[in-house]
Amino acid sequence: MKIVLASNNKGKLAELQAMFTPLGCTLVSQSTLDVPEAPEPYRTFIENALTKARNAAEHTGLASIADDAGLCVDAFGGLPGVDTAYYATQFGYSKSDDNNVRALLEQMQGIEHRRAAMVSTLVAVRSPEDPEPLVAVGRVVGEIAWEPMGSNGFGFDPVMWIPEFGKTFAQLPVEVKNANSHRGRAAQQMVALIRDRWLS
């Protein structure tokens, strides 16, 4: 079964493809099928993910899956949330993972309460009009480290310190991170849902 991933993010594709292997499904990036990016006007992960999934299904005629994920910092009232990918641009930096980390650490200077959650919402649809989208949410709570540590992963992984491991996501071996990350947790749920609802 071929499923379109409604994302052009290579890191996301590699992570999810590894997790979907047990299903015998092949994930294909929407960029290889000339799918235009969907607008993401909403303030919740689930609404944006559903919009992206429906857009990819509409342009390809294939089942699709979309992920909307972000960092929710307690000290900022849950922000940046859906604006995570563009976080640095609010502070005059160009869009990049490194700049996002730099901007976050600058904004958190002097803040002792550093609790934050990484959240991933996966939505899968069989067609653009699918009335029963599959929804899986993964969430990992940790703290924002005082400086970047580790070289694995992407996004905010170098500053997302996970107490149960005593390390940042970027310091963990890839297979450990994938099994325990917000996206990993959502993907495990989604694999079970697809197996149960679409393949059985």
N, C-alpha and C. Protein backbone atom coordinates (compact mmCIF):
# COMPACT_ATOMS: atom_id res chain seq x y z
N MET A 1 0.85 -1.19 0.00
CA MET A 1 0.00 0.00 0.00
C MET A 1 0.88 1.24 0.00
N LYS A 2 0.57 2.18 -0.89
CA LYS A 2 1.33 3.41 -0.97
C LYS A 2 0.54 4.52 -0.28
N ILE A 3 1.20 5.25 0.61
CA ILE A 3 0.57 6.36 1.33
C ILE A 3 1.41 7.61 1.10
N VAL A 4 0.75 8.71 0.76
CA VAL A 4 1.46 9.97 0.55
C VAL A 4 1.67 10.64 1.89
N LEU A 5 2.89 11.04 2.17
CA LEU A 5 3.17 11.84 3.36
C LEU A 5 3.03 13.30 2.96
N ALA A 6 2.10 13.98 3.58
CA ALA A 6 1.82 15.39 3.25
C ALA A 6 2.86 16.29 3.92
N SER A 7 4.11 16.11 3.48
CA SER A 7 5.21 16.90 4.02
C SER A 7 6.36 16.85 3.04
N ASN A 8 7.18 17.89 3.05
CA ASN A 8 8.40 17.90 2.25
C ASN A 8 9.63 17.78 3.14
N ASN A 9 9.41 17.50 4.43
CA ASN A 9 10.48 17.42 5.41
C ASN A 9 11.15 16.04 5.34
N LYS A 10 12.42 16.01 4.92
CA LYS A 10 13.12 14.74 4.74
C LYS A 10 13.32 14.01 6.07
N GLY A 11 13.54 14.76 7.14
CA GLY A 11 13.72 14.15 8.46
C GLY A 11 12.45 13.43 8.90
N LYS A 12 11.33 14.08 8.67
CA LYS A 12 10.03 13.50 9.03
C LYS A 12 9.76 12.23 8.21
N LEU A 13 10.06 12.30 6.90
CA LEU A 13 9.84 11.15 6.02
C LEU A 13 10.67 9.96 6.48
N ALA A 14 11.95 10.19 6.79
CA ALA A 14 12.83 9.09 7.21
C ALA A 14 12.34 8.47 8.52
N GLU A 15 11.95 9.33 9.48
CA GLU A 15 11.46 8.83 10.77
C GLU A 15 10.20 7.99 10.59
N LEU A 16 9.24 8.53 9.86
CA LEU A 16 7.95 7.84 9.73
C LEU A 16 8.06 6.58 8.87
N GLN A 17 8.89 6.64 7.82
CA GLN A 17 9.05 5.46 6.95
C GLN A 17 9.55 4.27 7.76
N ALA A 18 10.53 4.52 8.64
CA ALA A 18 11.07 3.45 9.48
C ALA A 18 9.98 2.86 10.38
N MET A 19 9.11 3.73 10.88
CA MET A 19 8.06 3.27 11.80
C MET A 19 6.92 2.55 11.09
N PHE A 20 6.73 2.85 9.81
CA PHE A 20 5.61 2.25 9.07
C PHE A 20 6.02 0.95 8.36
N THR A 21 7.29 0.60 8.41
CA THR A 21 7.78 -0.61 7.76
C THR A 21 6.98 -1.86 8.14
N PRO A 22 6.61 -2.06 9.43
CA PRO A 22 5.86 -3.27 9.79
C PRO A 22 4.54 -3.45 9.05
N LEU A 23 3.98 -2.35 8.54
CA LEU A 23 2.70 -2.44 7.82
C LEU A 23 2.87 -2.90 6.38
N GLY A 24 4.11 -2.86 5.89
CA GLY A 24 4.32 -3.15 4.48
C GLY A 24 3.88 -1.99 3.61
N CYS A 25 3.75 -0.80 4.21
CA CYS A 25 3.34 0.40 3.47
C CYS A 25 4.58 1.18 3.03
N THR A 26 4.46 1.82 1.90
CA THR A 26 5.52 2.71 1.43
C THR A 26 5.03 4.14 1.56
N LEU A 27 5.81 4.95 2.27
CA LEU A 27 5.48 6.37 2.37
C LEU A 27 6.20 7.11 1.26
N VAL A 28 5.47 7.97 0.57
CA VAL A 28 6.04 8.76 -0.52
C VAL A 28 5.84 10.23 -0.19
N SER A 29 6.89 11.00 -0.27
CA SER A 29 6.78 12.43 0.01
C SER A 29 5.93 13.11 -1.05
N GLN A 30 5.09 14.04 -0.61
CA GLN A 30 4.22 14.75 -1.56
C GLN A 30 5.02 15.54 -2.59
N SER A 31 6.24 15.93 -2.25
CA SER A 31 7.04 16.71 -3.20
C SER A 31 7.39 15.90 -4.45
N THR A 32 7.50 14.56 -4.31
CA THR A 32 7.82 13.73 -5.48
C THR A 32 6.61 13.57 -6.39
N LEU A 33 5.42 13.96 -5.91
CA LEU A 33 4.19 13.84 -6.70
C LEU A 33 3.62 15.21 -7.07
N ASP A 34 4.45 16.23 -6.93
CA ASP A 34 4.07 17.61 -7.29
C ASP A 34 2.82 18.11 -6.57
N VAL A 35 2.66 17.73 -5.30
CA VAL A 35 1.52 18.21 -4.51
C VAL A 35 1.89 19.57 -3.92
N PRO A 36 1.07 20.59 -4.20
CA PRO A 36 1.37 21.90 -3.60
C PRO A 36 1.14 21.85 -2.09
N GLU A 37 1.89 22.66 -1.36
CA GLU A 37 1.69 22.71 0.09
C GLU A 37 0.32 23.27 0.40
N ALA A 38 -0.31 22.68 1.40
CA ALA A 38 -1.63 23.16 1.83
C ALA A 38 -1.47 24.35 2.75
N PRO A 39 -2.43 25.28 2.71
CA PRO A 39 -2.39 26.36 3.69
C PRO A 39 -2.62 25.77 5.09
N GLU A 40 -2.03 26.40 6.09
CA GLU A 40 -2.20 25.95 7.48
C GLU A 40 -2.68 27.13 8.32
N PRO A 41 -3.94 27.51 8.15
CA PRO A 41 -4.41 28.72 8.83
C PRO A 41 -4.88 28.51 10.27
N TYR A 42 -4.90 27.28 10.72
CA TYR A 42 -5.56 26.98 11.99
C TYR A 42 -4.60 27.08 13.18
N ARG A 43 -5.17 27.17 14.37
CA ARG A 43 -4.38 27.33 15.59
C ARG A 43 -4.21 26.04 16.36
N THR A 44 -4.72 24.91 15.79
CA THR A 44 -4.54 23.62 16.45
C THR A 44 -3.83 22.66 15.50
N PHE A 45 -3.07 21.73 16.10
CA PHE A 45 -2.35 20.74 15.30
C PHE A 45 -3.32 19.88 14.49
N ILE A 46 -4.42 19.47 15.10
CA ILE A 46 -5.32 18.53 14.42
C ILE A 46 -5.96 19.14 13.18
N GLU A 47 -6.36 20.41 13.26
CA GLU A 47 -6.99 21.04 12.08
C GLU A 47 -6.00 21.19 10.94
N ASN A 48 -4.78 21.58 11.26
CA ASN A 48 -3.76 21.73 10.21
C ASN A 48 -3.39 20.39 9.60
N ALA A 49 -3.24 19.36 10.44
CA ALA A 49 -2.89 18.03 9.91
C ALA A 49 -3.99 17.50 9.01
N LEU A 50 -5.23 17.67 9.40
CA LEU A 50 -6.35 17.20 8.58
C LEU A 50 -6.38 17.92 7.24
N THR A 51 -6.15 19.22 7.25
CA THR A 51 -6.12 20.00 6.01
C THR A 51 -5.02 19.51 5.08
N LYS A 52 -3.84 19.25 5.64
CA LYS A 52 -2.71 18.79 4.82
C LYS A 52 -2.98 17.39 4.25
N ALA A 53 -3.57 16.50 5.07
CA ALA A 53 -3.86 15.15 4.61
C ALA A 53 -4.88 15.16 3.48
N ARG A 54 -5.95 15.94 3.65
CA ARG A 54 -6.99 16.02 2.59
C ARG A 54 -6.42 16.61 1.30
N ASN A 55 -5.56 17.62 1.43
CA ASN A 55 -4.94 18.25 0.26
C ASN A 55 -4.11 17.24 -0.53
N ALA A 56 -3.29 16.45 0.17
CA ALA A 56 -2.44 15.46 -0.51
C ALA A 56 -3.27 14.37 -1.17
N ALA A 57 -4.33 13.93 -0.48
CA ALA A 57 -5.21 12.90 -1.06
C ALA A 57 -5.92 13.42 -2.30
N GLU A 58 -6.34 14.67 -2.23
CA GLU A 58 -7.05 15.27 -3.36
C GLU A 58 -6.17 15.37 -4.60
N HIS A 59 -4.89 15.72 -4.42
CA HIS A 59 -4.00 15.91 -5.55
C HIS A 59 -3.41 14.61 -6.10
N THR A 60 -3.50 13.52 -5.33
CA THR A 60 -2.85 12.28 -5.77
C THR A 60 -3.81 11.11 -5.98
N GLY A 61 -4.99 11.19 -5.38
CA GLY A 61 -5.92 10.06 -5.44
C GLY A 61 -5.48 8.90 -4.55
N LEU A 62 -4.48 9.12 -3.71
CA LEU A 62 -3.97 8.08 -2.82
C LEU A 62 -4.35 8.39 -1.37
N ALA A 63 -4.29 7.37 -0.53
CA ALA A 63 -4.42 7.61 0.91
C ALA A 63 -3.26 8.51 1.32
N SER A 64 -3.50 9.31 2.35
CA SER A 64 -2.42 10.20 2.77
C SER A 64 -2.38 10.32 4.28
N ILE A 65 -1.22 10.72 4.74
CA ILE A 65 -1.02 10.94 6.17
C ILE A 65 -0.28 12.26 6.34
N ALA A 66 -0.69 13.01 7.34
CA ALA A 66 -0.04 14.29 7.62
C ALA A 66 0.29 14.38 9.09
N ASP A 67 1.36 15.08 9.36
CA ASP A 67 1.80 15.31 10.73
C ASP A 67 1.84 16.80 10.97
N ASP A 68 1.24 17.25 12.05
CA ASP A 68 1.46 18.62 12.47
C ASP A 68 2.01 18.51 13.88
N ALA A 69 3.16 19.06 14.07
CA ALA A 69 3.84 18.87 15.35
C ALA A 69 4.45 20.18 15.79
N GLY A 70 4.73 20.24 17.08
CA GLY A 70 5.36 21.45 17.56
C GLY A 70 5.76 21.36 19.01
N LEU A 71 6.39 22.43 19.43
CA LEU A 71 6.87 22.58 20.79
C LEU A 71 5.90 23.47 21.55
N CYS A 72 5.46 23.01 22.71
CA CYS A 72 4.53 23.77 23.54
C CYS A 72 5.23 24.07 24.87
N VAL A 73 5.63 25.32 25.07
CA VAL A 73 6.40 25.73 26.24
C VAL A 73 5.47 26.32 27.29
N ASP A 74 5.49 25.73 28.48
CA ASP A 74 4.61 26.20 29.56
C ASP A 74 4.76 27.70 29.83
N ALA A 75 6.00 28.16 29.90
CA ALA A 75 6.27 29.57 30.24
C ALA A 75 5.71 30.54 29.20
N PHE A 76 5.44 30.03 27.99
CA PHE A 76 4.90 30.87 26.92
C PHE A 76 3.42 30.56 26.66
N GLY A 77 2.75 29.94 27.62
CA GLY A 77 1.33 29.64 27.45
C GLY A 77 1.06 28.61 26.37
N GLY A 78 2.02 27.71 26.14
CA GLY A 78 1.83 26.67 25.13
C GLY A 78 2.41 27.00 23.77
N LEU A 79 2.85 28.21 23.59
CA LEU A 79 3.46 28.60 22.31
C LEU A 79 4.91 28.10 22.29
N PRO A 80 5.54 27.95 21.12
CA PRO A 80 5.08 28.36 19.79
C PRO A 80 4.02 27.47 19.14
N GLY A 81 3.79 26.26 19.61
CA GLY A 81 2.70 25.44 19.08
C GLY A 81 2.76 25.26 17.59
N VAL A 82 1.66 25.64 16.91
CA VAL A 82 1.58 25.42 15.46
C VAL A 82 2.56 26.30 14.68
N ASP A 83 3.14 27.30 15.33
CA ASP A 83 4.10 28.19 14.67
C ASP A 83 5.55 27.76 14.89
N THR A 84 5.74 26.55 15.42
CA THR A 84 7.08 26.09 15.79
C THR A 84 8.09 26.19 14.65
N ALA A 85 7.72 25.76 13.46
CA ALA A 85 8.67 25.74 12.33
C ALA A 85 9.17 27.15 11.97
N TYR A 86 8.33 28.15 12.25
CA TYR A 86 8.66 29.53 11.88
C TYR A 86 9.04 30.38 13.09
N TYR A 87 9.31 29.72 14.22
CA TYR A 87 9.53 30.43 15.48
C TYR A 87 10.57 31.54 15.34
N ALA A 88 11.71 31.24 14.74
CA ALA A 88 12.82 32.20 14.67
C ALA A 88 12.46 33.45 13.88
N THR A 89 11.55 33.32 12.92
CA THR A 89 11.23 34.47 12.07
C THR A 89 10.55 35.59 12.84
N GLN A 90 9.95 35.28 13.99
CA GLN A 90 9.32 36.32 14.82
C GLN A 90 10.36 37.26 15.42
N PHE A 91 11.61 36.80 15.45
CA PHE A 91 12.66 37.55 16.12
C PHE A 91 13.75 38.01 15.15
N GLY A 92 13.38 38.07 13.86
CA GLY A 92 14.28 38.62 12.87
C GLY A 92 15.28 37.65 12.26
N TYR A 93 15.18 36.37 12.61
CA TYR A 93 16.06 35.36 12.03
C TYR A 93 15.39 34.73 10.82
N SER A 94 16.21 34.16 9.93
CA SER A 94 15.63 33.40 8.82
C SER A 94 15.18 32.04 9.35
N LYS A 95 14.29 31.39 8.61
CA LYS A 95 13.72 30.11 9.04
C LYS A 95 14.77 29.01 8.95
N SER A 96 15.11 28.41 10.09
CA SER A 96 15.99 27.24 10.11
C SER A 96 15.92 26.63 11.50
N ASP A 97 16.26 25.34 11.58
CA ASP A 97 16.26 24.66 12.88
C ASP A 97 17.23 25.33 13.85
N ASP A 98 18.45 25.64 13.36
CA ASP A 98 19.45 26.25 14.24
C ASP A 98 18.98 27.60 14.77
N ASN A 99 18.35 28.40 13.91
CA ASN A 99 17.86 29.70 14.34
C ASN A 99 16.69 29.56 15.31
N ASN A 100 15.85 28.55 15.11
CA ASN A 100 14.76 28.31 16.06
C ASN A 100 15.31 28.03 17.45
N VAL A 101 16.33 27.18 17.51
CA VAL A 101 16.94 26.86 18.80
C VAL A 101 17.57 28.12 19.41
N ARG A 102 18.29 28.88 18.60
CA ARG A 102 18.93 30.11 19.08
C ARG A 102 17.88 31.07 19.65
N ALA A 103 16.80 31.29 18.89
CA ALA A 103 15.76 32.22 19.33
C ALA A 103 15.09 31.75 20.62
N LEU A 104 14.83 30.44 20.71
CA LEU A 104 14.19 29.91 21.91
C LEU A 104 15.06 30.12 23.14
N LEU A 105 16.35 29.81 23.03
CA LEU A 105 17.25 29.97 24.17
C LEU A 105 17.37 31.44 24.57
N GLU A 106 17.35 32.33 23.58
CA GLU A 106 17.39 33.77 23.90
C GLU A 106 16.12 34.19 24.65
N GLN A 107 14.97 33.72 24.18
CA GLN A 107 13.70 34.10 24.80
C GLN A 107 13.55 33.50 26.20
N MET A 108 14.25 32.40 26.47
CA MET A 108 14.12 31.73 27.77
C MET A 108 15.22 32.12 28.75
N GLN A 109 16.05 33.09 28.38
CA GLN A 109 17.09 33.54 29.31
C GLN A 109 16.45 34.01 30.61
N GLY A 110 16.95 33.50 31.72
CA GLY A 110 16.45 33.93 33.02
C GLY A 110 15.17 33.23 33.46
N ILE A 111 14.61 32.39 32.62
CA ILE A 111 13.38 31.66 32.98
C ILE A 111 13.77 30.33 33.61
N GLU A 112 13.38 30.15 34.87
CA GLU A 112 13.72 28.92 35.58
C GLU A 112 12.76 27.78 35.25
N HIS A 113 11.46 28.12 35.08
CA HIS A 113 10.44 27.10 34.79
C HIS A 113 10.54 26.76 33.30
N ARG A 114 11.16 25.62 32.97
CA ARG A 114 11.50 25.30 31.58
C ARG A 114 10.73 24.09 31.04
N ARG A 115 9.62 23.73 31.70
CA ARG A 115 8.83 22.57 31.27
C ARG A 115 8.22 22.84 29.89
N ALA A 116 8.28 21.82 29.05
CA ALA A 116 7.74 21.94 27.68
C ALA A 116 7.32 20.56 27.20
N ALA A 117 6.46 20.55 26.21
CA ALA A 117 6.04 19.29 25.60
C ALA A 117 6.25 19.36 24.09
N MET A 118 6.70 18.24 23.54
CA MET A 118 6.72 18.09 22.08
C MET A 118 5.47 17.29 21.75
N VAL A 119 4.70 17.80 20.80
CA VAL A 119 3.42 17.18 20.45
C VAL A 119 3.40 16.88 18.96
N SER A 120 2.95 15.68 18.62
CA SER A 120 2.79 15.29 17.22
C SER A 120 1.37 14.77 17.01
N THR A 121 0.68 15.35 16.06
CA THR A 121 -0.66 14.88 15.71
C THR A 121 -0.62 14.35 14.29
N LEU A 122 -0.86 13.06 14.15
CA LEU A 122 -0.91 12.42 12.83
C LEU A 122 -2.36 12.21 12.43
N VAL A 123 -2.67 12.55 11.20
CA VAL A 123 -4.01 12.33 10.65
C VAL A 123 -3.86 11.59 9.32
N ALA A 124 -4.62 10.51 9.15
CA ALA A 124 -4.59 9.75 7.90
C ALA A 124 -5.99 9.69 7.30
N VAL A 125 -6.07 9.84 5.98
CA VAL A 125 -7.35 9.74 5.28
C VAL A 125 -7.18 8.81 4.07
N ARG A 126 -8.26 8.09 3.74
CA ARG A 126 -8.23 7.21 2.57
C ARG A 126 -8.52 7.98 1.29
N SER A 127 -9.24 9.10 1.44
CA SER A 127 -9.62 9.94 0.29
C SER A 127 -9.85 11.35 0.82
N PRO A 128 -9.96 12.33 -0.08
CA PRO A 128 -10.16 13.70 0.40
C PRO A 128 -11.44 13.87 1.23
N GLU A 129 -12.46 13.05 0.94
CA GLU A 129 -13.73 13.19 1.65
C GLU A 129 -13.90 12.17 2.78
N ASP A 130 -12.86 11.45 3.12
CA ASP A 130 -12.96 10.42 4.15
C ASP A 130 -13.66 10.97 5.40
N PRO A 131 -14.84 10.40 5.76
CA PRO A 131 -15.58 10.92 6.91
C PRO A 131 -15.01 10.43 8.24
N GLU A 132 -14.06 9.47 8.18
CA GLU A 132 -13.51 8.89 9.40
C GLU A 132 -11.98 8.94 9.37
N PRO A 133 -11.42 10.16 9.47
CA PRO A 133 -9.97 10.24 9.48
C PRO A 133 -9.41 9.55 10.72
N LEU A 134 -8.27 8.93 10.56
CA LEU A 134 -7.60 8.31 11.70
C LEU A 134 -6.75 9.39 12.37
N VAL A 135 -6.82 9.46 13.69
CA VAL A 135 -6.09 10.50 14.43
C VAL A 135 -5.27 9.85 15.54
N ALA A 136 -4.00 10.20 15.60
CA ALA A 136 -3.12 9.70 16.66
C ALA A 136 -2.31 10.87 17.21
N VAL A 137 -2.22 10.97 18.51
CA VAL A 137 -1.48 12.06 19.14
C VAL A 137 -0.40 11.50 20.05
N GLY A 138 0.82 11.96 19.85
CA GLY A 138 1.93 11.59 20.71
C GLY A 138 2.44 12.82 21.43
N ARG A 139 2.79 12.66 22.70
CA ARG A 139 3.21 13.81 23.50
C ARG A 139 4.34 13.37 24.43
N VAL A 140 5.39 14.17 24.48
CA VAL A 140 6.50 13.89 25.39
C VAL A 140 6.79 15.17 26.18
N VAL A 141 6.83 15.03 27.50
CA VAL A 141 7.09 16.19 28.36
C VAL A 141 8.54 16.16 28.81
N GLY A 142 9.17 17.30 28.75
CA GLY A 142 10.56 17.43 29.19
C GLY A 142 10.82 18.85 29.63
N GLU A 143 12.07 19.26 29.48
CA GLU A 143 12.46 20.62 29.83
C GLU A 143 13.37 21.17 28.74
N ILE A 144 13.35 22.48 28.61
CA ILE A 144 14.25 23.12 27.64
C ILE A 144 15.63 23.22 28.29
N ALA A 145 16.61 22.59 27.66
CA ALA A 145 17.97 22.62 28.17
C ALA A 145 18.52 24.05 28.08
N TRP A 146 19.59 24.31 28.82
CA TRP A 146 20.19 25.64 28.84
C TRP A 146 21.07 25.88 27.62
N GLU A 147 21.47 24.78 26.95
CA GLU A 147 22.27 24.90 25.73
C GLU A 147 22.05 23.65 24.88
N PRO A 148 22.27 23.74 23.56
CA PRO A 148 22.09 22.57 22.70
C PRO A 148 23.08 21.46 23.04
N MET A 149 22.58 20.21 23.01
CA MET A 149 23.44 19.05 23.26
C MET A 149 23.03 17.92 22.32
N GLY A 150 24.03 17.31 21.65
CA GLY A 150 23.76 16.18 20.78
C GLY A 150 23.64 16.58 19.33
N SER A 151 23.81 15.59 18.45
CA SER A 151 23.80 15.88 17.01
C SER A 151 22.80 15.02 16.22
N ASN A 152 22.04 14.16 16.91
CA ASN A 152 21.03 13.37 16.21
C ASN A 152 19.73 14.18 16.14
N GLY A 153 18.86 13.80 15.23
CA GLY A 153 17.56 14.43 15.15
C GLY A 153 17.58 15.76 14.43
N PHE A 154 16.49 16.51 14.61
CA PHE A 154 16.35 17.81 13.94
C PHE A 154 15.41 18.67 14.78
N GLY A 155 15.13 19.87 14.29
CA GLY A 155 14.22 20.76 15.03
C GLY A 155 14.78 21.13 16.39
N PHE A 156 13.93 21.00 17.42
CA PHE A 156 14.33 21.36 18.78
C PHE A 156 14.95 20.19 19.55
N ASP A 157 15.24 19.07 18.87
CA ASP A 157 15.80 17.90 19.54
C ASP A 157 17.03 18.22 20.41
N PRO A 158 17.95 19.12 19.97
CA PRO A 158 19.14 19.38 20.79
C PRO A 158 18.86 20.08 22.13
N VAL A 159 17.69 20.70 22.28
CA VAL A 159 17.39 21.38 23.55
C VAL A 159 16.21 20.77 24.29
N MET A 160 15.65 19.69 23.75
CA MET A 160 14.53 19.02 24.44
C MET A 160 15.11 17.95 25.35
N TRP A 161 15.28 18.31 26.62
CA TRP A 161 15.88 17.41 27.61
C TRP A 161 14.81 16.53 28.21
N ILE A 162 15.02 15.20 28.15
CA ILE A 162 14.03 14.24 28.59
C ILE A 162 14.50 13.63 29.92
N PRO A 163 13.81 13.95 31.03
CA PRO A 163 14.26 13.50 32.34
C PRO A 163 14.46 11.99 32.46
N GLU A 164 13.57 11.19 31.84
CA GLU A 164 13.68 9.73 32.01
C GLU A 164 14.96 9.17 31.40
N PHE A 165 15.55 9.89 30.43
CA PHE A 165 16.81 9.46 29.84
C PHE A 165 18.00 10.26 30.36
N GLY A 166 17.71 11.42 30.95
CA GLY A 166 18.80 12.29 31.39
C GLY A 166 19.60 12.85 30.23
N LYS A 167 18.95 12.95 29.08
CA LYS A 167 19.61 13.44 27.86
C LYS A 167 18.60 14.22 27.02
N THR A 168 19.13 14.95 26.03
CA THR A 168 18.24 15.57 25.04
C THR A 168 17.90 14.52 23.99
N PHE A 169 16.85 14.78 23.22
CA PHE A 169 16.50 13.88 22.13
C PHE A 169 17.68 13.72 21.17
N ALA A 170 18.43 14.79 20.95
CA ALA A 170 19.54 14.75 19.99
C ALA A 170 20.74 13.94 20.50
N GLN A 171 20.74 13.60 21.80
CA GLN A 171 21.82 12.78 22.34
C GLN A 171 21.49 11.29 22.32
N LEU A 172 20.25 10.96 22.03
CA LEU A 172 19.82 9.55 22.05
C LEU A 172 20.14 8.88 20.71
N PRO A 173 20.43 7.58 20.72
CA PRO A 173 20.54 6.84 19.46
C PRO A 173 19.22 6.97 18.69
N VAL A 174 19.30 7.03 17.38
CA VAL A 174 18.12 7.27 16.56
C VAL A 174 16.98 6.31 16.87
N GLU A 175 17.30 5.01 17.02
CA GLU A 175 16.23 4.03 17.25
C GLU A 175 15.55 4.24 18.61
N VAL A 176 16.31 4.71 19.61
CA VAL A 176 15.73 4.99 20.93
C VAL A 176 14.85 6.24 20.85
N LYS A 177 15.36 7.25 20.16
CA LYS A 177 14.58 8.48 20.00
C LYS A 177 13.28 8.19 19.26
N ASN A 178 13.37 7.46 18.14
CA ASN A 178 12.17 7.17 17.35
C ASN A 178 11.11 6.42 18.15
N ALA A 179 11.56 5.53 19.02
CA ALA A 179 10.62 4.74 19.81
C ALA A 179 9.96 5.55 20.92
N ASN A 180 10.60 6.63 21.34
CA ASN A 180 10.12 7.37 22.50
C ASN A 180 9.73 8.82 22.23
N SER A 181 9.91 9.28 21.01
CA SER A 181 9.60 10.67 20.70
C SER A 181 8.09 10.87 20.56
N HIS A 182 7.69 12.13 20.52
CA HIS A 182 6.28 12.47 20.29
C HIS A 182 5.81 11.87 18.96
N ARG A 183 6.64 11.98 17.92
CA ARG A 183 6.26 11.43 16.62
C ARG A 183 6.26 9.91 16.66
N GLY A 184 7.22 9.34 17.38
CA GLY A 184 7.28 7.89 17.53
C GLY A 184 6.04 7.34 18.21
N ARG A 185 5.61 8.02 19.25
CA ARG A 185 4.41 7.58 19.98
C ARG A 185 3.16 7.71 19.12
N ALA A 186 3.07 8.81 18.39
CA ALA A 186 1.91 8.99 17.50
C ALA A 186 1.94 7.95 16.38
N ALA A 187 3.13 7.67 15.85
CA ALA A 187 3.25 6.70 14.75
C ALA A 187 2.88 5.30 15.20
N GLN A 188 3.27 4.93 16.42
CA GLN A 188 2.90 3.61 16.93
C GLN A 188 1.38 3.46 17.01
N GLN A 189 0.71 4.51 17.49
CA GLN A 189 -0.76 4.50 17.53
C GLN A 189 -1.34 4.41 16.12
N MET A 190 -0.75 5.20 15.19
CA MET A 190 -1.28 5.25 13.83
C MET A 190 -1.10 3.91 13.12
N VAL A 191 0.05 3.26 13.32
CA VAL A 191 0.28 1.95 12.72
C VAL A 191 -0.80 0.97 13.18
N ALA A 192 -1.12 1.00 14.48
CA ALA A 192 -2.16 0.12 15.01
C ALA A 192 -3.53 0.46 14.42
N LEU A 193 -3.81 1.74 14.26
CA LEU A 193 -5.10 2.16 13.69
C LEU A 193 -5.23 1.73 12.22
N ILE A 194 -4.17 1.95 11.44
CA ILE A 194 -4.22 1.57 10.01
C ILE A 194 -4.37 0.06 9.88
N ARG A 195 -3.64 -0.68 10.69
CA ARG A 195 -3.74 -2.14 10.64
C ARG A 195 -5.17 -2.58 10.95
N ASP A 196 -5.77 -1.97 11.96
CA ASP A 196 -7.11 -2.35 12.42
C ASP A 196 -8.21 -1.87 11.47
N ARG A 197 -8.12 -0.63 11.00
CA ARG A 197 -9.22 -0.02 10.23
C ARG A 197 -9.09 -0.17 8.73
N TRP A 198 -7.87 -0.18 8.22
CA TRP A 198 -7.70 -0.18 6.77
C TRP A 198 -7.24 -1.52 6.21
N LEU A 199 -6.50 -2.28 6.99
CA LEU A 199 -5.86 -3.48 6.43
C LEU A 199 -6.49 -4.81 6.88
N SER A 200 -7.28 -4.79 7.96
CA SER A 200 -7.81 -6.06 8.45
C SER A 200 -9.10 -6.46 7.75
